[in-house]
C-alpha atoms as a PDB file:
ATOM      1  CA  MET A   1      80.313 138.334  13.286  1.00  0.00           C
ATOM      2  CA  LEU A   2      80.815 134.898  12.551  1.00  0.00           C
ATOM      3  CA  LYS A   3      79.891 132.044  14.974  1.00  0.00           C
ATOM      4  CA  ILE A   4      82.890 130.572  16.983  1.00  0.00           C
ATOM      5  CA  LEU A   5      80.786 128.222  19.246  1.00  0.00           C
ATOM      6  CA  GLU A   6      77.121 127.280  19.431  1.00  0.00           C
ATOM      7  CA  VAL A   7      75.924 125.190  22.347  1.00  0.00           C
ATOM      8  CA  ASN A   8      72.339 123.487  21.935  1.00  0.00           C
ATOM      9  CA  ASN A   9      70.310 121.914  24.517  1.00  0.00           C
ATOM     10  CA  LEU A  10      73.129 120.810  26.393  1.00  0.00           C
ATOM     11  CA  VAL A  11      72.493 118.339  29.357  1.00  0.00           C
ATOM     12  CA  THR A  12      75.092 117.356  31.758  1.00  0.00           C
ATOM     13  CA  THR A  13      74.148 114.648  34.199  1.00  0.00           C
ATOM     14  CA  LEU A  14      75.665 112.943  37.386  1.00  0.00           C
ATOM     15  CA  ILE A  15      75.324 109.427  37.269  1.00  0.00           C
ATOM     16  CA  THR A  16      75.675 107.328  40.612  1.00  0.00           C
ATOM     17  CA  GLU A  17      75.023 103.623  41.553  1.00  0.00           C
ATOM     18  CA  ASN A  18      71.527 104.547  42.747  1.00  0.00           C
ATOM     19  CA  LYS A  19      70.255 107.263  40.146  1.00  0.00           C
ATOM     20  CA  SER A  20      71.186 109.955  37.844  1.00  0.00           C
ATOM     21  CA  GLU A  21      70.678 113.853  38.347  1.00  0.00           C
ATOM     22  CA  ASN A  22      70.891 116.544  35.749  1.00  0.00           C
ATOM     23  CA  LEU A  23      73.281 119.256  36.729  1.00  0.00           C
ATOM     24  CA  ILE A  24      72.541 121.627  34.116  1.00  0.00           C
ATOM     25  CA  GLU A  25      69.554 121.366  31.694  1.00  0.00           C
ATOM     26  CA  ASN A  26      68.781 122.541  28.102  1.00  0.00           C
ATOM     27  CA  VAL A  27      71.560 125.090  28.008  1.00  0.00           C
ATOM     28  CA  ASN A  28      71.674 127.080  24.715  1.00  0.00           C
ATOM     29  CA  PHE A  29      73.989 130.044  23.643  1.00  0.00           C
ATOM     30  CA  VAL A  30      76.205 131.161  20.932  1.00  0.00           C
ATOM     31  CA  VAL A  31      79.720 132.811  20.922  1.00  0.00           C
ATOM     32  CA  LYS A  32      80.914 135.083  18.242  1.00  0.00           C
ATOM     33  CA  GLU A  33      84.226 135.968  16.937  1.00  0.00           C
ATOM     34  CA  GLY A  34      85.856 138.540  19.240  1.00  0.00           C
ATOM     35  CA  GLU A  35      82.814 138.588  21.555  1.00  0.00           C
ATOM     36  CA  THR A  36      83.137 138.238  25.440  1.00  0.00           C
ATOM     37  CA  ILE A  37      80.230 136.258  27.104  1.00  0.00           C
ATOM     38  CA  GLY A  38      79.696 136.335  30.756  1.00  0.00           C
ATOM     39  CA  ILE A  39      78.002 133.521  32.614  1.00  0.00           C
ATOM     40  CA  VAL A  40      77.011 134.757  36.088  1.00  0.00           C
ATOM     41  CA  GLY A  41      75.320 133.147  39.170  1.00  0.00           C
ATOM     42  CA  GLU A  42      75.887 132.055  42.521  1.00  0.00           C
ATOM     43  CA  SER A  43      77.893 129.063  43.493  1.00  0.00           C
ATOM     44  CA  GLY A  44      75.876 125.878  42.511  1.00  0.00           C
ATOM     45  CA  SER A  45      74.187 127.517  39.705  1.00  0.00           C
ATOM     46  CA  GLY A  46      76.050 125.283  36.868  1.00  0.00           C
ATOM     47  CA  LYS A  47      78.473 127.801  35.602  1.00  0.00           C
ATOM     48  CA  SER A  48      81.528 125.707  35.899  1.00  0.00           C
ATOM     49  CA  ILE A  49      79.853 122.394  34.898  1.00  0.00           C
ATOM     50  CA  THR A  50      78.845 124.235  31.775  1.00  0.00           C
ATOM     51  CA  ALA A  51      82.358 125.190  30.974  1.00  0.00           C
ATOM     52  CA  LEU A  52      83.827 121.750  31.766  1.00  0.00           C
ATOM     53  CA  SER A  53      81.243 120.197  29.602  1.00  0.00           C
ATOM     54  CA  LEU A  54      82.286 122.409  26.442  1.00  0.00           C
ATOM     55  CA  MET A  55      85.911 121.069  27.162  1.00  0.00           C
ATOM     56  CA  ASP A  56      85.241 117.532  27.835  1.00  0.00           C
ATOM     57  CA  LEU A  57      87.043 117.641  31.127  1.00  0.00           C
ATOM     58  CA  LEU A  58      84.116 116.268  33.380  1.00  0.00           C
ATOM     59  CA  PRO A  59      84.830 113.847  36.375  1.00  0.00           C
ATOM     60  CA  LYS A  60      84.315 110.245  35.357  1.00  0.00           C
ATOM     61  CA  ASN A  61      80.818 110.177  36.897  1.00  0.00           C
ATOM     62  CA  ILE A  62      79.568 113.220  35.085  1.00  0.00           C
ATOM     63  CA  LYS A  63      78.502 112.862  31.470  1.00  0.00           C
ATOM     64  CA  VAL A  64      77.187 114.944  28.804  1.00  0.00           C
ATOM     65  CA  THR A  65      73.841 113.022  28.209  1.00  0.00           C
ATOM     66  CA  LYS A  66      72.264 115.410  25.376  1.00  0.00           C
ATOM     67  CA  GLY A  67      72.974 118.297  23.224  1.00  0.00           C
ATOM     68  CA  GLN A  68      75.527 119.629  20.909  1.00  0.00           C
ATOM     69  CA  VAL A  69      78.618 121.838  21.229  1.00  0.00           C
ATOM     70  CA  ILE A  70      79.356 122.974  17.534  1.00  0.00           C
ATOM     71  CA  PHE A  71      82.924 124.547  16.986  1.00  0.00           C
ATOM     72  CA  ASP A  72      84.605 124.968  13.558  1.00  0.00           C
ATOM     73  CA  ASN A  73      81.332 123.008  12.197  1.00  0.00           C
ATOM     74  CA  LYS A  74      82.102 120.191  14.442  1.00  0.00           C
ATOM     75  CA  ASN A  75      80.276 118.541  17.174  1.00  0.00           C
ATOM     76  CA  LEU A  76      83.025 118.316  19.820  1.00  0.00           C
ATOM     77  CA  LEU A  77      80.627 115.759  21.524  1.00  0.00           C
ATOM     78  CA  GLU A  78      81.075 113.212  18.816  1.00  0.00           C
ATOM     79  CA  LEU A  79      84.915 113.548  18.815  1.00  0.00           C
ATOM     80  CA  ASN A  80      87.125 110.827  20.056  1.00  0.00           C
ATOM     81  CA  ASP A  81      89.846 111.393  22.746  1.00  0.00           C
ATOM     82  CA  ASN A  82      92.712 112.339  20.228  1.00  0.00           C
ATOM     83  CA  GLU A  83      90.440 114.406  18.274  1.00  0.00           C
ATOM     84  CA  ILE A  84      89.080 116.465  21.244  1.00  0.00           C
ATOM     85  CA  ARG A  85      92.907 116.865  22.615  1.00  0.00           C
ATOM     86  CA  ASN A  86      93.719 118.273  19.406  1.00  0.00           C
ATOM     87  CA  ILE A  87      91.183 121.298  19.928  1.00  0.00           C
ATOM     88  CA  ARG A  88      91.567 121.559  23.512  1.00  0.00           C
ATOM     89  CA  GLY A  89      94.781 123.726  24.322  1.00  0.00           C
ATOM     90  CA  LYS A  90      95.258 124.563  20.788  1.00  0.00           C
ATOM     91  CA  ASP A  91      91.851 126.118  19.664  1.00  0.00           C
ATOM     92  CA  ILE A  92      90.251 126.150  22.776  1.00  0.00           C
ATOM     93  CA  SER A  93      91.895 127.168  25.911  1.00  0.00           C
ATOM     94  CA  MET A  94      90.841 127.303  29.621  1.00  0.00           C
ATOM     95  CA  ILE A  95      92.016 129.299  32.698  1.00  0.00           C
ATOM     96  CA  PHE A  96      90.980 127.430  35.655  1.00  0.00           C
ATOM     97  CA  GLN A  97      89.600 128.761  39.199  1.00  0.00           C
ATOM     98  CA  ASP A  98      92.371 127.446  41.119  1.00  0.00           C
ATOM     99  CA  ASN A  99      95.713 127.794  39.558  1.00  0.00           C
ATOM    100  CA  MET A 100      97.705 126.098  42.318  1.00  0.00           C
ATOM    101  CA  SER A 101      95.870 122.910  41.606  1.00  0.00           C
ATOM    102  CA  SER A 102      95.895 123.275  38.078  1.00  0.00           C
ATOM    103  CA  LEU A 103      99.739 123.681  37.672  1.00  0.00           C
ATOM    104  CA  ASN A 104     101.585 120.385  38.479  1.00  0.00           C
ATOM    105  CA  PRO A 105     103.538 121.078  41.603  1.00  0.00           C
ATOM    106  CA  VAL A 106     106.192 118.735  40.501  1.00  0.00           C
ATOM    107  CA  PHE A 107     107.461 120.371  37.327  1.00  0.00           C
ATOM    108  CA  THR A 108     108.806 123.849  36.864  1.00  0.00           C
ATOM    109  CA  ILE A 109     106.634 126.359  35.246  1.00  0.00           C
ATOM    110  CA  GLY A 110     109.039 126.453  32.121  1.00  0.00           C
ATOM    111  CA  ASN A 111     108.466 122.529  31.792  1.00  0.00           C
ATOM    112  CA  GLN A 112     104.794 122.947  31.716  1.00  0.00           C
ATOM    113  CA  ILE A 113     104.387 125.935  29.311  1.00  0.00           C
ATOM    114  CA  ILE A 114     107.044 124.404  26.895  1.00  0.00           C
ATOM    115  CA  GLU A 115     105.022 120.993  26.928  1.00  0.00           C
ATOM    116  CA  ALA A 116     102.012 122.912  26.211  1.00  0.00           C
ATOM    117  CA  ILE A 117     103.773 124.605  23.373  1.00  0.00           C
ATOM    118  CA  ARG A 118     105.105 121.489  21.732  1.00  0.00           C
ATOM    119  CA  VAL A 119     101.975 119.240  21.920  1.00  0.00           C
ATOM    120  CA  HIS A 120     100.325 121.251  19.538  1.00  0.00           C
ATOM    121  CA  SER A 121     103.399 122.695  17.112  1.00  0.00           C
ATOM    122  CA  ASP A 122     106.390 120.763  15.677  1.00  0.00           C
ATOM    123  CA  ILE A 123     109.164 122.959  17.016  1.00  0.00           C
ATOM    124  CA  SER A 124     112.317 121.964  18.771  1.00  0.00           C
ATOM    125  CA  LYS A 125     112.736 122.245  22.673  1.00  0.00           C
ATOM    126  CA  LYS A 126     114.891 125.265  22.010  1.00  0.00           C
ATOM    127  CA  GLU A 127     112.365 127.302  20.038  1.00  0.00           C
ATOM    128  CA  ALA A 128     109.436 126.198  22.471  1.00  0.00           C
ATOM    129  CA  LYS A 129     111.719 127.596  25.343  1.00  0.00           C
ATOM    130  CA  MET A 130     112.057 131.099  23.540  1.00  0.00           C
ATOM    131  CA  LYS A 131     108.415 131.093  22.904  1.00  0.00           C
ATOM    132  CA  ALA A 132     107.710 130.416  26.459  1.00  0.00           C
ATOM    133  CA  LEU A 133     109.803 133.339  27.539  1.00  0.00           C
ATOM    134  CA  GLU A 134     108.108 135.544  24.948  1.00  0.00           C
ATOM    135  CA  LEU A 135     104.603 134.670  26.390  1.00  0.00           C
ATOM    136  CA  LEU A 136     105.712 135.294  29.981  1.00  0.00           C
ATOM    137  CA  LYS A 137     106.985 138.549  29.051  1.00  0.00           C
ATOM    138  CA  LYS A 138     103.493 139.244  27.350  1.00  0.00           C
ATOM    139  CA  VAL A 139     101.414 138.436  30.351  1.00  0.00           C
ATOM    140  CA  GLY A 140     103.618 141.077  32.290  1.00  0.00           C
ATOM    141  CA  LEU A 141     106.020 138.743  34.142  1.00  0.00           C
ATOM    142  CA  SER A 142     109.114 140.907  34.419  1.00  0.00           C
ATOM    143  CA  ARG A 143     111.726 137.823  35.056  1.00  0.00           C
ATOM    144  CA  PRO A 144     110.807 135.253  32.989  1.00  0.00           C
ATOM    145  CA  GLU A 145     114.019 133.396  32.716  1.00  0.00           C
ATOM    146  CA  LYS A 146     113.905 132.951  36.461  1.00  0.00           C
ATOM    147  CA  ILE A 147     110.264 132.163  36.288  1.00  0.00           C
ATOM    148  CA  LEU A 148     110.863 129.224  33.848  1.00  0.00           C
ATOM    149  CA  LYS A 149     112.874 127.442  36.476  1.00  0.00           C
ATOM    150  CA  GLU A 150     110.692 128.111  39.490  1.00  0.00           C
ATOM    151  CA  TYR A 151     107.925 125.951  40.656  1.00  0.00           C
ATOM    152  CA  PRO A 152     104.281 126.997  41.314  1.00  0.00           C
ATOM    153  CA  TYR A 153     104.607 127.231  45.037  1.00  0.00           C
ATOM    154  CA  MET A 154     107.382 129.607  44.543  1.00  0.00           C
ATOM    155  CA  LEU A 155     105.090 132.060  42.952  1.00  0.00           C
ATOM    156  CA  SER A 156     102.231 134.546  44.339  1.00  0.00           C
ATOM    157  CA  GLY A 157      98.739 133.792  43.419  1.00  0.00           C
ATOM    158  CA  GLY A 158      98.840 136.633  40.689  1.00  0.00           C
ATOM    159  CA  MET A 159     102.010 135.336  39.237  1.00  0.00           C
ATOM    160  CA  ARG A 160     100.635 131.808  39.003  1.00  0.00           C
ATOM    161  CA  GLN A 161      97.432 133.200  37.301  1.00  0.00           C
ATOM    162  CA  ARG A 162      99.684 135.208  34.805  1.00  0.00           C
ATOM    163  CA  ALA A 163     101.680 131.955  34.201  1.00  0.00           C
ATOM    164  CA  MET A 164      98.302 130.217  33.552  1.00  0.00           C
ATOM    165  CA  ILE A 165      97.154 132.943  30.998  1.00  0.00           C
ATOM    166  CA  ALA A 166     100.619 132.368  29.268  1.00  0.00           C
ATOM    167  CA  MET A 167     100.027 128.785  29.099  1.00  0.00           C
ATOM    168  CA  ALA A 168      96.366 129.319  27.634  1.00  0.00           C
ATOM    169  CA  LEU A 169      98.069 131.365  24.935  1.00  0.00           C
ATOM    170  CA  THR A 170     100.721 128.813  23.665  1.00  0.00           C
ATOM    171  CA  SER A 171      98.601 128.037  20.355  1.00  0.00           C
ATOM    172  CA  ASN A 172      96.898 131.361  19.730  1.00  0.00           C
ATOM    173  CA  PRO A 173      93.421 129.937  20.600  1.00  0.00           C
ATOM    174  CA  LYS A 174      90.107 131.105  18.981  1.00  0.00           C
ATOM    175  CA  LEU A 175      88.382 130.796  22.197  1.00  0.00           C
ATOM    176  CA  LEU A 176      89.538 131.349  25.992  1.00  0.00           C
ATOM    177  CA  ILE A 177      87.365 130.093  28.806  1.00  0.00           C
ATOM    178  CA  ALA A 178      88.117 131.808  32.141  1.00  0.00           C
ATOM    179  CA  ASP A 179      86.686 130.238  34.842  1.00  0.00           C
ATOM    180  CA  GLU A 180      86.495 132.755  37.967  1.00  0.00           C
ATOM    181  CA  PRO A 181      89.974 134.087  36.977  1.00  0.00           C
ATOM    182  CA  THR A 182      90.277 136.762  39.624  1.00  0.00           C
ATOM    183  CA  THR A 183      89.092 134.338  42.638  1.00  0.00           C
ATOM    184  CA  ALA A 184      91.396 134.536  45.812  1.00  0.00           C
ATOM    185  CA  LEU A 185      93.427 137.383  44.242  1.00  0.00           C
ATOM    186  CA  ASP A 186      93.522 140.830  46.208  1.00  0.00           C
ATOM    187  CA  VAL A 187      91.675 143.764  44.786  1.00  0.00           C
ATOM    188  CA  THR A 188      94.783 145.269  43.148  1.00  0.00           C
ATOM    189  CA  ILE A 189      95.916 141.841  41.319  1.00  0.00           C
ATOM    190  CA  GLN A 190      92.132 141.273  40.259  1.00  0.00           C
ATOM    191  CA  ALA A 191      92.249 144.475  38.197  1.00  0.00           C
ATOM    192  CA  GLN A 192      95.622 143.687  36.746  1.00  0.00           C
ATOM    193  CA  ILE A 193      94.564 140.328  35.646  1.00  0.00           C
ATOM    194  CA  VAL A 194      91.192 141.946  34.172  1.00  0.00           C
ATOM    195  CA  GLU A 195      93.056 144.484  32.235  1.00  0.00           C
ATOM    196  CA  LEU A 196      95.394 141.632  31.043  1.00  0.00           C
ATOM    197  CA  ILE A 197      92.579 139.535  29.758  1.00  0.00           C
ATOM    198  CA  LYS A 198      90.962 142.415  27.786  1.00  0.00           C
ATOM    199  CA  ARG A 199      94.430 143.241  26.297  1.00  0.00           C
ATOM    200  CA  ILE A 200      95.435 139.772  25.234  1.00  0.00           C
ATOM    201  CA  LYS A 201      91.689 139.146  23.877  1.00  0.00           C
ATOM    202  CA  ASP A 202      92.237 142.178  21.593  1.00  0.00           C
ATOM    203  CA  GLU A 203      95.638 141.357  20.609  1.00  0.00           C
ATOM    204  CA  TYR A 204      95.018 137.864  19.739  1.00  0.00           C
ATOM    205  CA  LYS A 205      91.329 138.428  18.513  1.00  0.00           C
ATOM    206  CA  MET A 206      89.800 135.838  20.530  1.00  0.00           C
ATOM    207  CA  ALA A 207      86.287 135.159  22.008  1.00  0.00           C
ATOM    208  CA  VAL A 208      86.203 134.810  25.416  1.00  0.00           C
ATOM    209  CA  ILE A 209      83.529 133.135  27.861  1.00  0.00           C
ATOM    210  CA  LEU A 210      83.886 134.457  31.197  1.00  0.00           C
ATOM    211  CA  ILE A 211      82.443 132.516  34.150  1.00  0.00           C
ATOM    212  CA  THR A 212      82.218 134.551  37.474  1.00  0.00           C
ATOM    213  CA  HIS A 213      79.740 135.425  40.360  1.00  0.00           C
ATOM    214  CA  ASP A 214      81.088 138.765  40.237  1.00  0.00           C
ATOM    215  CA  ILE A 215      78.502 141.222  38.730  1.00  0.00           C
ATOM    216  CA  GLY A 216      81.180 143.965  38.610  1.00  0.00           C
ATOM    217  CA  LEU A 217      83.363 141.882  36.605  1.00  0.00           C
ATOM    218  CA  ILE A 218      80.840 141.161  34.287  1.00  0.00           C
ATOM    219  CA  ALA A 219      80.254 145.024  33.928  1.00  0.00           C
ATOM    220  CA  GLU A 220      83.604 145.612  32.945  1.00  0.00           C
ATOM    221  CA  MET A 221      84.370 142.738  30.479  1.00  0.00           C
ATOM    222  CA  ALA A 222      81.130 141.234  29.013  1.00  0.00           C
ATOM    223  CA  ASP A 223      79.395 142.016  25.819  1.00  0.00           C
ATOM    224  CA  ARG A 224      76.555 139.762  26.365  1.00  0.00           C
ATOM    225  CA  VAL A 225      75.528 138.146  29.684  1.00  0.00           C
ATOM    226  CA  ILE A 226      74.037 134.563  30.461  1.00  0.00           C
ATOM    227  CA  VAL A 227      72.255 134.555  33.968  1.00  0.00           C
ATOM    228  CA  MET A 228      72.376 130.830  35.370  1.00  0.00           C
ATOM    229  CA  TYR A 229      70.255 129.505  38.467  1.00  0.00           C
ATOM    230  CA  ALA A 230      69.823 125.851  39.627  1.00  0.00           C
ATOM    231  CA  GLY A 231      71.443 124.400  36.424  1.00  0.00           C
ATOM    232  CA  GLU A 232      69.544 126.341  33.618  1.00  0.00           C
ATOM    233  CA  ILE A 233      69.848 129.954  31.928  1.00  0.00           C
ATOM    234  CA  VAL A 234      67.272 132.252  33.460  1.00  0.00           C
ATOM    235  CA  GLU A 235      68.259 135.340  31.563  1.00  0.00           C
ATOM    236  CA  ASP A 236      70.385 135.949  28.413  1.00  0.00           C
ATOM    237  CA  THR A 237      70.910 139.504  26.985  1.00  0.00           C
ATOM    238  CA  ASP A 238      73.710 142.229  26.258  1.00  0.00           C
ATOM    239  CA  VAL A 239      75.328 143.776  29.258  1.00  0.00           C
ATOM    240  CA  ASN A 240      73.692 147.280  28.771  1.00  0.00           C
ATOM    241  CA  THR A 241      70.243 145.780  28.796  1.00  0.00           C
ATOM    242  CA  LEU A 242      71.028 143.324  31.679  1.00  0.00           C
ATOM    243  CA  PHE A 243      72.193 146.503  33.888  1.00  0.00           C
ATOM    244  CA  ASN A 244      69.689 148.798  32.736  1.00  0.00           C
ATOM    245  CA  ASN A 245      66.387 146.722  32.031  1.00  0.00           C
ATOM    246  CA  PRO A 246      66.822 143.164  33.800  1.00  0.00           C
ATOM    247  CA  GLN A 247      63.891 141.092  33.327  1.00  0.00           C
ATOM    248  CA  HIS A 248      64.363 138.169  35.770  1.00  0.00           C
ATOM    249  CA  PRO A 249      63.843 138.651  39.600  1.00  0.00           C
ATOM    250  CA  TYR A 250      67.075 136.782  40.368  1.00  0.00           C
ATOM    251  CA  THR A 251      69.129 139.056  38.128  1.00  0.00           C
ATOM    252  CA  MET A 252      67.513 141.970  39.896  1.00  0.00           C
ATOM    253  CA  ALA A 253      68.447 140.590  43.178  1.00  0.00           C
ATOM    254  CA  LEU A 254      72.044 140.039  42.079  1.00  0.00           C
ATOM    255  CA  LEU A 255      72.363 143.553  40.837  1.00  0.00           C
ATOM    256  CA  LYS A 256      70.685 144.753  44.288  1.00  0.00           C
ATOM    257  CA  SER A 257      73.126 142.955  46.530  1.00  0.00           C
ATOM    258  CA  VAL A 258      76.192 144.804  45.244  1.00  0.00           C
ATOM    259  CA  PRO A 259      76.950 148.776  45.756  1.00  0.00           C
ATOM    260  CA  HIS A 260      77.070 151.138  42.913  1.00  0.00           C
ATOM    261  CA  ILE A 261      79.419 154.207  42.751  1.00  0.00           C
ATOM    262  CA  ASN A 262      75.894 156.186  42.407  1.00  0.00           C
ATOM    263  CA  ASP A 263      74.249 154.705  45.213  1.00  0.00           C
ATOM    264  CA  LYS A 264      72.750 157.121  47.958  1.00  0.00           C
ATOM    265  CA  LEU A 265      74.549 156.797  51.451  1.00  0.00           C
ATOM    266  CA  ASP A 266      71.921 155.486  53.114  1.00  0.00           C
ATOM    267  CA  LYS A 267      70.980 152.713  50.430  1.00  0.00           C
ATOM    268  CA  LYS A 268      70.901 149.289  52.077  1.00  0.00           C
ATOM    269  CA  LEU A 269      72.126 146.505  49.969  1.00  0.00           C
ATOM    270  CA  VAL A 270      69.601 143.532  49.390  1.00  0.00           C
ATOM    271  CA  SER A 271      70.309 140.066  50.402  1.00  0.00           C
ATOM    272  CA  ILE A 272      68.799 137.027  48.484  1.00  0.00           C
ATOM    273  CA  PRO A 273      66.769 135.080  51.160  1.00  0.00           C
ATOM    274  CA  GLY A 274      67.593 130.944  51.129  1.00  0.00           C
ATOM    275  CA  THR A 275      70.003 129.255  49.049  1.00  0.00           C
ATOM    276  CA  VAL A 276      70.453 127.706  45.559  1.00  0.00           C
ATOM    277  CA  PRO A 277      68.588 124.308  45.665  1.00  0.00           C
ATOM    278  CA  GLU A 278      70.979 121.282  45.606  1.00  0.00           C
ATOM    279  CA  HIS A 279      68.429 118.914  43.990  1.00  0.00           C
ATOM    280  CA  TYR A 280      66.643 120.806  41.633  1.00  0.00           C
ATOM    281  CA  GLU A 281      65.926 118.460  38.723  1.00  0.00           C
ATOM    282  CA  ASP A 282      62.757 117.446  40.478  1.00  0.00           C
ATOM    283  CA  ILE A 283      61.382 120.877  41.235  1.00  0.00           C
ATOM    284  CA  SER A 284      58.087 121.035  39.051  1.00  0.00           C
ATOM    285  CA  SER A 285      57.718 124.914  39.763  1.00  0.00           C
ATOM    286  CA  CYS A 286      59.990 128.048  38.729  1.00  0.00           C
ATOM    287  CA  ARG A 287      63.295 126.803  40.616  1.00  0.00           C
ATOM    288  CA  PHE A 288      63.510 130.621  41.839  1.00  0.00           C
ATOM    289  CA  MET A 289      59.929 130.772  43.169  1.00  0.00           C
ATOM    290  CA  SER A 290      60.939 130.035  47.063  1.00  0.00           C
ATOM    291  CA  ARG A 291      63.175 133.008  46.921  1.00  0.00           C
ATOM    292  CA  CYS A 292      61.225 135.182  44.750  1.00  0.00           C
ATOM    293  CA  GLU A 293      59.215 138.317  45.907  1.00  0.00           C
ATOM    294  CA  TYR A 294      57.166 138.360  42.587  1.00  0.00           C
ATOM    295  CA  ALA A 295      56.170 134.728  42.593  1.00  0.00           C
ATOM    296  CA  PHE A 296      52.440 133.958  42.063  1.00  0.00           C
ATOM    297  CA  ASP A 297      50.286 130.758  41.436  1.00  0.00           C
ATOM    298  CA  LYS A 298      51.468 130.254  37.622  1.00  0.00           C
ATOM    299  CA  CYS A 299      55.119 129.977  39.061  1.00  0.00           C
ATOM    300  CA  LYS A 300      54.184 126.731  40.166  1.00  0.00           C
ATOM    301  CA  ILE A 301      54.743 125.377  36.673  1.00  0.00           C
ATOM    302  CA  HIS A 302      58.252 125.279  35.440  1.00  0.00           C
ATOM    303  CA  PRO A 303      58.617 127.933  32.898  1.00  0.00           C
ATOM    304  CA  ASP A 304      60.407 127.720  29.721  1.00  0.00           C
ATOM    305  CA  ILE A 305      63.006 130.618  28.455  1.00  0.00           C
ATOM    306  CA  LYS A 306      61.240 132.726  25.876  1.00  0.00           C
ATOM    307  CA  LYS A 307      62.391 135.547  23.806  1.00  0.00           C
ATOM    308  CA  ILE A 308      60.926 139.117  24.637  1.00  0.00           C
ATOM    309  CA  ASN A 309      62.586 140.727  21.685  1.00  0.00           C
ATOM    310  CA  ASP A 310      65.423 139.764  19.236  1.00  0.00           C
ATOM    311  CA  ASP A 311      68.061 140.446  21.609  1.00  0.00           C
ATOM    312  CA  HIS A 312      66.672 139.284  24.968  1.00  0.00           C
ATOM    313  CA  ALA A 313      65.324 135.961  26.695  1.00  0.00           C
ATOM    314  CA  VAL A 314      63.943 135.448  30.128  1.00  0.00           C
ATOM    315  CA  ARG A 315      62.552 132.504  31.965  1.00  0.00           C
ATOM    316  CA  CYS A 316      59.887 134.341  34.006  1.00  0.00           C
ATOM    317  CA  TYR A 317      56.100 134.265  34.115  1.00  0.00           C
ATOM    318  CA  ALA A 318      56.105 137.833  36.063  1.00  0.00           C
ATOM    319  CA  SER A 319      58.154 139.284  33.491  1.00  0.00           C
ATOM    320  CA  TRP A 320      56.147 138.164  30.563  1.00  0.00           C
ATOM    321  CA  GLU A 321      52.838 139.549  32.338  1.00  0.00           C
ATOM    322  CA  GLY A 322      54.447 142.804  33.263  1.00  0.00           C
ATOM    323  CA  LYS A 323      54.213 142.362  37.074  1.00  0.00           C
ATOM    324  CA  PHE A 324      57.083 144.624  37.706  1.00  0.00           C
ATOM    325  CA  ASP A 325      59.357 147.588  36.686  1.00  0.00           C
ATOM    326  CA  TYR A 326      63.124 147.396  37.301  1.00  0.00           C
ATOM    327  CA  GLU A 327      63.740 150.523  39.662  1.00  0.00           C
ATOM    328  CA  GLY A 328      67.279 150.439  38.809  1.00  0.00           C
ATOM    329  CA  LYS A 329      70.157 151.592  41.270  1.00  0.00           C
END
């Protein structure tokens, strides 16, 4: 499969009057045609900052300070505002975590979708309206004519999310970034949104970057998985290997913290002690060391990420030295 996106040594930095602080460091990954990459980790691990860095949608005080984001043989970080706008929303689209704040409350759904269509295509407003109706039908909204005239607050959370997906599809993107697409939706609606994203991915032959804290969603949708912790990648492998043979203690802890259908009735879920550190740039040890049951003296030196085979990379001394075996479910 051809590469759609290649991220090399990406560093994104929070810049204040007093100091600068790296929020993500040396992030590397590749997305191939038709592939779904899952990026998983707790809140504060750097998942959303990574996505916003790719799209050049960072707040003013946060900057990409190093690295490359190669898309269609162009480094997106070297493009000017007009050039990146021509790619964003056309070739790369994004579904945001909070659909209520992502949609403009003072414009109708129709206005917003029609504008998104016309920004990247030379068609009349009437033609754009017909396409908007078609997209709303495609994402499963049963009364598209009425929804075009409604404002975001008039729709349920699931309907707003479908409208956001319709907007993301306006220009047949090659890559869709979905940032926590099922957050704040009830379980039934979550399942519907997941099925919708899977269907449109196949129909449009898109690649997808799925950002989530939900390990179950990763199991259902991802081909490859990137596990992030404290601003860096700690494990990168295919989805089957991740669930059957994880090699980072953080990944193991995530898997053991959620129930599985084949669990014994008396099995207790494991909680991860402590929290993700807020200021991790100055941590000289492994950043997970204070929460890790396998930590030993060598972990006081910050590890690089290292390939343990052609399709599996991990950032962990204990893994490299064979100090544990994953016991599975």
